[in-house]
Amino acid sequence: MRRLLAWFPKHARDLPWRRTLDPYAIWVSEIMLQQTQVKTVIPYHERWLRALPDVPQLAEAPLEQIHKLWEGLGYYSRARNLQRAAQIIVEEHAGRFPADFEALLALPGIGRYTAGAISSIAFNEPRPIVDGNVVRVLARLFALKGNPKDRLVSERFWSLAAELVTVAHQQKPVITPADGLLRLAGNCSALNQSLMELGATTCTPTNPQCGICPLRTLCVARRTGTVDRHPETVSREPITHRRVVAFVIRRNKQVLVRQRPTGVVNAHFWEFPNVEIGLHENDPAQVAAVQLGLAPRAVEPLGVIRHSITRYRIALEGFALDGVKRVPAGLGVWQPVSRLSELAFTAAHRKLLKRAGLAK
């Protein structure tokens, strides 16, 4: 593992959460990085820490502010779990971020991986972490067989990761670069991050750069010519296509919008009135208008916004309605156009907001 410990400080990408050992900043980054690419997370992370720089401020923040800061990242329950966890930290740990692994694991939204990431990266605890990048590196390094999602196979990866971080913990401390940008709490911090970094930048799913990998002489898959067979591919759920029609309805300087209820996907975020229709409807605006009880005088297409949620591929078709005299009760609330920028919309409906000329 000395090779990885020496490799990481020289090749680590300069990321905001790597410039600090503040467990709060590291925690926020780990939650944001779930299901989200690094390049997308960077501006969100920087904006979040400017607005909510510590646990107490997160615990006390209005939920509307949290939703607005998270707007566009998706999987919005992550943001609400962040606040619930912050409130517990204030109540049970006097606002100090817990270093204990079990205490971390008890917090909402923190599982085995996230607790291990925080405790090892911020506190240099010899705790393993296993994500997709680590799985790929270990699967190729040791030519491991089996579906990584199977329980017994998964535990094998966790066991290996635990052995590696324990060995790293027992070795001489890694030397950090003189530029001061990269902060490392110790060998456990360096080892776990190096495994993830290697998988993200070198040992990639396709076209891995084996020739420059620091572990190339130790890699069993490379030696046996089976790199492309590891890790074993997992059959994915079939993709399901869905079609949703949304309406932008104006009245004077107001727009009709609604807030998603508790307990559903994207709960508490704002959106335009919408309805799901069949994939082969020939007149989507007419079908949707009838289902929602609307009788517009004119319909203007705003285009199609395509997005994905897990295995679903959703086509959101937007229309601006004119001359709607009656809006059924419960369809939404009228909000001033000037206030729309303050509301947290789901990513697709935020794009529709721009299509309709209601946002920059």
Protein backbone atom coordinates (compact mmCIF):
# COMPACT_ATOMS: atom_id res chain seq x y z
CA MET A 1 0.00 0.00 0.00
CA ARG A 2 3.01 2.29 0.18
CA ARG A 3 2.68 2.73 -3.58
CA LEU A 4 -0.81 4.14 -3.25
CA LEU A 5 0.10 6.28 -0.27
CA ALA A 6 2.95 7.82 -2.29
CA TRP A 7 0.87 8.11 -5.47
CA PHE A 8 -2.19 9.88 -4.09
CA PRO A 9 -0.70 13.20 -2.90
CA LYS A 10 0.93 13.69 -6.31
CA HIS A 11 -2.12 12.80 -8.41
CA ALA A 12 -5.13 13.82 -6.30
CA ARG A 13 -7.54 16.17 -8.00
CA ASP A 14 -7.87 19.55 -6.32
CA LEU A 15 -11.37 19.38 -4.84
CA PRO A 16 -12.80 21.80 -2.24
CA TRP A 17 -13.49 19.12 0.36
CA ARG A 18 -9.91 17.89 0.12
CA ARG A 19 -8.60 21.25 1.30
CA THR A 20 -9.99 20.74 4.78
CA LEU A 21 -10.24 18.21 7.57
CA ASP A 22 -13.50 19.73 8.83
CA PRO A 23 -15.80 16.70 9.22
CA TYR A 24 -18.83 18.87 8.47
CA ALA A 25 -17.50 19.91 5.05
CA ILE A 26 -16.43 16.33 4.31
CA TRP A 27 -19.84 15.00 5.38
CA VAL A 28 -21.70 17.45 3.12
CA SER A 29 -19.48 16.47 0.18
CA GLU A 30 -20.05 12.77 0.73
CA ILE A 31 -23.82 13.19 0.82
CA MET A 32 -23.81 15.39 -2.28
CA LEU A 33 -21.60 12.95 -4.17
CA GLN A 34 -24.11 10.14 -3.78
CA GLN A 35 -25.55 9.51 -7.27
CA THR A 36 -23.97 12.77 -8.50
CA GLN A 37 -20.82 13.57 -10.50
CA VAL A 38 -17.94 15.49 -8.95
CA LYS A 39 -18.07 18.35 -11.47
CA THR A 40 -21.74 18.90 -10.64
CA VAL A 41 -21.18 18.83 -6.88
CA ILE A 42 -18.34 21.38 -6.67
CA PRO A 43 -20.42 24.58 -7.08
CA TYR A 44 -23.21 23.20 -4.87
CA HIS A 45 -20.72 22.34 -2.13
CA GLU A 46 -19.12 25.79 -2.23
CA ARG A 47 -22.49 27.56 -2.20
CA TRP A 48 -23.78 25.37 0.66
CA LEU A 49 -20.78 26.09 2.89
CA ARG A 50 -21.02 29.82 2.23
CA ALA A 51 -24.66 29.80 3.33
CA LEU A 52 -24.48 27.15 6.07
CA PRO A 53 -20.84 26.93 7.24
CA ASP A 54 -21.37 24.70 10.29
CA VAL A 55 -23.65 22.21 12.00
CA PRO A 56 -25.61 24.66 14.20
CA GLN A 57 -26.49 26.90 11.25
CA LEU A 58 -27.65 23.91 9.23
CA ALA A 59 -29.74 22.70 12.16
CA GLU A 60 -31.55 26.05 12.41
CA ALA A 61 -31.92 26.84 8.70
CA PRO A 62 -35.42 27.15 7.22
CA LEU A 63 -36.34 24.10 5.16
CA GLU A 64 -37.06 26.39 2.21
CA GLN A 65 -33.44 27.59 2.26
CA ILE A 66 -32.14 24.03 2.35
CA HIS A 67 -34.31 23.05 -0.60
CA LYS A 68 -33.19 26.10 -2.55
CA LEU A 69 -29.51 25.34 -1.91
CA TRP A 70 -30.09 21.74 -3.05
CA GLU A 71 -32.21 22.68 -6.06
CA GLY A 72 -31.11 20.71 -9.12
CA LEU A 73 -29.06 18.04 -7.31
CA GLY A 74 -31.92 15.53 -7.16
CA TYR A 75 -32.58 12.84 -4.55
CA TYR A 76 -33.82 15.63 -2.32
CA SER A 77 -34.34 13.51 0.79
CA ARG A 78 -30.55 13.71 1.17
CA ALA A 79 -30.84 17.41 2.02
CA ARG A 80 -33.58 16.84 4.60
CA ASN A 81 -31.55 14.04 6.19
CA LEU A 82 -28.61 16.43 6.45
CA GLN A 83 -30.68 18.82 8.52
CA ARG A 84 -32.19 16.09 10.68
CA ALA A 85 -28.71 14.76 11.40
CA ALA A 86 -27.46 18.27 12.20
CA GLN A 87 -30.30 18.74 14.67
CA ILE A 88 -29.38 15.46 16.40
CA ILE A 89 -25.72 16.53 16.57
CA VAL A 90 -26.79 19.77 18.25
CA GLU A 91 -29.11 17.99 20.68
CA GLU A 92 -26.97 14.96 21.55
CA HIS A 93 -23.40 16.08 20.85
CA ALA A 94 -23.54 19.77 21.78
CA GLY A 95 -23.08 20.73 18.15
CA ARG A 96 -19.70 18.98 17.84
CA PHE A 97 -19.40 16.56 14.97
CA PRO A 98 -18.98 13.04 16.42
CA ALA A 99 -15.76 11.20 15.62
CA ASP A 100 -17.07 7.83 16.79
CA PHE A 101 -18.04 5.49 13.96
CA GLU A 102 -21.11 4.09 15.71
CA ALA A 103 -22.34 7.58 16.57
CA LEU A 104 -21.99 8.55 12.92
CA LEU A 105 -23.82 5.43 11.81
CA ALA A 106 -26.76 6.36 14.04
CA LEU A 107 -27.37 9.64 12.21
CA PRO A 108 -30.08 9.90 9.51
CA GLY A 109 -28.78 9.48 5.98
CA ILE A 110 -25.43 8.02 7.09
CA GLY A 111 -24.76 4.39 6.29
CA ARG A 112 -21.74 2.14 6.46
CA TYR A 113 -19.93 3.81 3.56
CA THR A 114 -20.52 7.42 4.62
CA ALA A 115 -19.64 6.75 8.26
CA GLY A 116 -16.43 5.07 7.14
CA ALA A 117 -15.59 7.93 4.78
CA ILE A 118 -16.04 10.62 7.44
CA SER A 119 -14.23 8.73 10.20
CA SER A 120 -11.28 7.79 8.01
CA ILE A 121 -10.90 10.99 5.98
CA ALA A 122 -11.53 13.51 8.76
CA PHE A 123 -10.34 11.56 11.82
CA ASN A 124 -7.88 9.01 10.33
CA GLU A 125 -9.78 6.08 11.80
CA PRO A 126 -8.96 2.70 10.16
CA ARG A 127 -12.45 2.23 8.77
CA PRO A 128 -13.01 0.77 5.28
CA ILE A 129 -15.06 2.35 2.53
CA VAL A 130 -16.41 0.55 -0.53
CA ASP A 131 -18.04 2.37 -3.42
CA GLY A 132 -18.18 1.64 -7.16
CA ASN A 133 -14.66 2.92 -7.73
CA VAL A 134 -13.18 0.89 -4.88
CA VAL A 135 -15.03 -2.23 -6.04
CA ARG A 136 -13.54 -1.85 -9.53
CA VAL A 137 -9.99 -1.37 -8.23
CA LEU A 138 -10.17 -4.32 -5.82
CA ALA A 139 -11.95 -6.58 -8.31
CA ARG A 140 -9.16 -6.07 -10.84
CA LEU A 141 -6.29 -6.00 -8.37
CA PHE A 142 -7.24 -9.40 -6.93
CA ALA A 143 -9.25 -10.72 -9.94
CA LEU A 144 -12.26 -11.24 -7.70
CA LYS A 145 -15.18 -13.19 -9.10
CA GLY A 146 -18.88 -12.82 -8.39
CA ASN A 147 -21.56 -10.17 -8.52
CA PRO A 148 -20.47 -7.29 -6.25
CA LYS A 149 -24.11 -6.77 -5.28
CA ASP A 150 -24.43 -10.26 -3.83
CA ARG A 151 -24.19 -10.14 -0.06
CA LEU A 152 -21.33 -12.60 0.36
CA VAL A 153 -19.32 -11.08 -2.48
CA SER A 154 -19.94 -7.59 -1.14
CA GLU A 155 -18.68 -8.62 2.28
CA ARG A 156 -15.51 -9.92 0.63
CA PHE A 157 -14.86 -6.45 -0.78
CA TRP A 158 -15.49 -4.84 2.60
CA SER A 159 -13.17 -7.33 4.28
CA LEU A 160 -10.38 -6.60 1.80
CA ALA A 161 -10.85 -2.86 2.16
CA ALA A 162 -10.67 -3.25 5.95
CA GLU A 163 -7.41 -5.20 5.68
CA LEU A 164 -5.86 -2.57 3.43
CA VAL A 165 -6.77 0.42 5.58
CA THR A 166 -5.54 -1.41 8.69
CA VAL A 167 -2.18 -2.09 7.04
CA ALA A 168 -1.94 1.54 5.94
CA HIS A 169 -2.69 2.69 9.49
CA GLN A 170 0.32 0.75 10.74
CA GLN A 171 2.80 2.23 8.27
CA LYS A 172 4.81 5.44 8.41
CA PRO A 173 2.70 8.57 7.85
CA VAL A 174 2.36 9.76 4.27
CA ILE A 175 4.07 13.02 3.37
CA THR A 176 1.64 15.67 2.13
CA PRO A 177 2.54 18.09 -0.67
CA ALA A 178 4.18 21.39 0.25
CA ASP A 179 1.55 23.49 -1.56
CA GLY A 180 -0.86 22.97 1.33
CA LEU A 181 -3.95 22.43 -0.84
CA LEU A 182 -4.41 18.76 0.03
CA ARG A 183 -5.14 18.04 3.67
CA LEU A 184 -4.71 14.50 4.96
CA ALA A 185 -5.47 13.34 8.48
CA GLY A 186 -3.06 10.42 8.07
CA ASN A 187 -2.58 7.16 6.23
CA CYS A 188 -6.19 5.98 6.59
CA SER A 189 -7.38 9.23 5.06
CA ALA A 190 -4.86 8.89 2.22
CA LEU A 191 -5.46 5.19 1.53
CA ASN A 192 -9.23 5.34 1.27
CA GLN A 193 -9.18 8.45 -0.88
CA SER A 194 -6.45 6.96 -3.09
CA LEU A 195 -8.55 3.87 -3.83
CA MET A 196 -11.48 6.04 -4.86
CA GLU A 197 -9.26 8.37 -6.87
CA LEU A 198 -7.55 5.51 -8.68
CA GLY A 199 -10.92 4.11 -9.71
CA ALA A 200 -12.23 7.51 -10.79
CA THR A 201 -9.24 8.64 -12.84
CA THR A 202 -7.12 5.63 -13.85
CA CYS A 203 -8.83 2.29 -13.25
CA THR A 204 -11.92 3.43 -15.10
CA PRO A 205 -14.83 1.22 -16.27
CA THR A 206 -13.72 1.45 -19.91
CA ASN A 207 -10.27 2.15 -21.34
CA PRO A 208 -8.42 1.92 -18.03
CA GLN A 209 -4.93 3.45 -18.06
CA CYS A 210 -3.12 0.35 -16.83
CA GLY A 211 0.24 1.60 -18.10
CA ILE A 212 0.39 4.42 -15.55
CA CYS A 213 -1.36 2.67 -12.66
CA PRO A 214 0.79 2.56 -9.49
CA LEU A 215 -0.49 -0.99 -8.85
CA ARG A 216 0.11 -2.33 -12.37
CA THR A 217 2.77 -4.85 -11.35
CA LEU A 218 0.53 -6.18 -8.56
CA CYS A 219 -2.71 -6.35 -10.53
CA VAL A 220 -3.81 -9.96 -11.14
CA ALA A 221 -6.37 -8.98 -13.79
CA ARG A 222 -3.72 -7.12 -15.79
CA ARG A 223 -1.31 -10.03 -15.51
CA THR A 224 -3.92 -12.50 -16.70
CA GLY A 225 -5.40 -10.26 -19.39
CA THR A 226 -8.84 -10.15 -17.77
CA VAL A 227 -9.16 -6.48 -16.84
CA ASP A 228 -12.31 -6.10 -18.95
CA ARG A 229 -13.97 -8.99 -17.08
CA HIS A 230 -13.71 -7.39 -13.64
CA PRO A 231 -15.83 -6.56 -11.81
CA GLU A 232 -18.49 -8.89 -13.12
CA THR A 233 -21.26 -7.00 -14.84
CA VAL A 234 -24.59 -6.78 -13.10
CA SER A 235 -27.81 -7.08 -15.07
CA ARG A 236 -29.75 -3.87 -14.75
CA GLU A 237 -33.48 -3.39 -14.42
CA PRO A 238 -35.12 -2.69 -17.78
CA ILE A 239 -35.56 0.98 -18.63
CA THR A 240 -39.11 2.31 -18.37
CA HIS A 241 -40.19 5.29 -20.46
CA ARG A 242 -42.73 7.74 -19.06
CA ARG A 243 -44.46 10.77 -20.52
CA VAL A 244 -45.57 13.74 -18.43
CA VAL A 245 -47.33 16.92 -19.57
CA ALA A 246 -46.94 20.12 -17.54
CA PHE A 247 -48.76 23.43 -17.95
CA VAL A 248 -47.60 26.98 -17.38
CA ILE A 249 -50.74 28.99 -16.55
CA ARG A 250 -50.48 32.75 -16.00
CA ARG A 251 -52.91 35.24 -14.53
CA ASN A 252 -51.85 38.86 -14.62
CA LYS A 253 -48.40 38.75 -12.98
CA GLN A 254 -48.97 35.42 -11.26
CA VAL A 255 -48.28 31.80 -12.21
CA LEU A 256 -50.03 28.66 -11.00
CA VAL A 257 -47.63 26.24 -9.25
CA ARG A 258 -47.93 23.53 -6.65
CA GLN A 259 -45.75 22.01 -3.96
CA ARG A 260 -45.19 18.26 -3.91
CA PRO A 261 -46.56 16.60 -0.77
CA THR A 262 -44.64 14.81 1.95
CA GLY A 263 -43.85 11.16 1.31
CA VAL A 264 -43.40 11.30 -2.46
CA VAL A 265 -40.35 11.68 -4.71
CA ASN A 266 -39.09 15.29 -4.62
CA ALA A 267 -41.30 16.05 -1.62
CA HIS A 268 -41.79 19.76 -0.80
CA PHE A 269 -40.31 20.98 -4.09
CA TRP A 270 -42.33 23.16 -6.43
CA GLU A 271 -43.58 22.30 -9.90
CA PHE A 272 -46.15 23.26 -12.52
CA PRO A 273 -49.47 21.38 -12.63
CA ASN A 274 -48.81 18.18 -14.53
CA VAL A 275 -50.16 14.75 -15.31
CA GLU A 276 -48.71 11.53 -16.68
CA ILE A 277 -50.23 10.33 -19.95
CA GLY A 278 -49.82 7.36 -22.29
CA LEU A 279 -46.76 7.07 -24.46
CA HIS A 280 -48.77 7.15 -27.69
CA GLU A 281 -51.30 9.92 -27.10
CA ASN A 282 -51.56 12.02 -30.26
CA ASP A 283 -52.70 15.25 -28.59
CA PRO A 284 -50.90 15.37 -25.23
CA ALA A 285 -52.00 18.89 -24.33
CA GLN A 286 -55.67 18.11 -24.91
CA VAL A 287 -55.51 14.82 -23.00
CA ALA A 288 -53.74 16.41 -20.06
CA ALA A 289 -56.01 19.46 -20.00
CA VAL A 290 -59.07 17.25 -19.84
CA GLN A 291 -57.57 15.15 -17.03
CA LEU A 292 -56.76 18.27 -15.01
CA GLY A 293 -60.10 19.92 -15.70
CA LEU A 294 -58.74 22.83 -17.76
CA ALA A 295 -60.30 24.49 -20.82
CA PRO A 296 -57.70 26.83 -22.33
CA ARG A 297 -58.40 29.13 -25.28
CA ALA A 298 -54.90 28.63 -26.72
CA VAL A 299 -51.99 26.24 -26.20
CA GLU A 300 -48.34 27.08 -26.91
CA PRO A 301 -45.73 24.25 -26.93
CA LEU A 302 -42.64 24.93 -24.79
CA GLY A 303 -40.67 21.88 -25.87
CA VAL A 304 -39.70 18.59 -24.29
CA ILE A 305 -37.37 18.24 -21.30
CA ARG A 306 -35.88 14.78 -20.90
CA HIS A 307 -34.52 13.54 -17.58
CA SER A 308 -33.97 10.32 -15.66
CA ILE A 309 -34.85 9.07 -12.19
CA THR A 310 -33.25 5.68 -11.48
CA ARG A 311 -34.49 3.38 -14.28
CA TYR A 312 -37.15 5.78 -15.53
CA ARG A 313 -36.60 7.89 -18.66
CA ILE A 314 -39.07 10.75 -18.44
CA ALA A 315 -40.14 13.10 -21.20
CA LEU A 316 -41.64 16.26 -19.68
CA GLU A 317 -43.66 18.08 -22.35
CA GLY A 318 -44.35 21.70 -21.47
CA PHE A 319 -47.20 23.88 -22.70
CA ALA A 320 -48.20 27.46 -21.92
CA LEU A 321 -51.96 27.82 -21.60
CA ASP A 322 -53.79 31.02 -22.41
CA GLY A 323 -57.34 32.02 -21.61
CA VAL A 324 -57.93 29.60 -18.73
CA LYS A 325 -61.00 31.03 -17.02
CA ARG A 326 -61.44 28.45 -14.29
CA VAL A 327 -58.85 26.51 -12.33
CA PRO A 328 -60.13 23.48 -10.37
CA ALA A 329 -59.65 23.67 -6.61
CA GLY A 330 -56.48 21.99 -5.38
CA LEU A 331 -54.64 22.20 -8.69
CA GLY A 332 -52.13 24.71 -7.32
CA VAL A 333 -51.59 28.14 -5.82
CA TRP A 334 -50.95 31.46 -7.52
CA GLN A 335 -47.46 32.81 -6.93
CA PRO A 336 -46.14 36.18 -8.11
CA VAL A 337 -43.71 35.87 -11.01
CA SER A 338 -41.24 37.93 -8.95
CA ARG A 339 -41.18 35.23 -6.25
CA LEU A 340 -40.58 32.21 -8.47
CA SER A 341 -36.79 32.58 -8.26
CA GLU A 342 -37.03 32.14 -4.47
CA LEU A 343 -38.88 28.83 -4.70
CA ALA A 344 -37.05 25.52 -5.01
CA PHE A 345 -38.26 23.76 -8.16
CA THR A 346 -37.37 20.25 -9.28
CA ALA A 347 -34.64 20.26 -11.93
CA ALA A 348 -36.94 19.51 -14.87
CA HIS A 349 -39.51 22.13 -13.87
CA ARG A 350 -36.74 24.69 -13.29
CA LYS A 351 -35.80 24.16 -16.94
CA LEU A 352 -39.43 24.58 -17.92
CA LEU A 353 -39.46 27.82 -15.93
CA LYS A 354 -36.67 29.09 -18.18
CA ARG A 355 -38.40 27.83 -21.35
CA ALA A 356 -41.44 29.89 -20.38
CA GLY A 357 -39.31 33.01 -19.88
CA LEU A 358 -39.99 33.12 -16.13
CA ALA A 359 -36.37 32.70 -15.00
CA LYS A 360 -32.89 33.55 -16.20
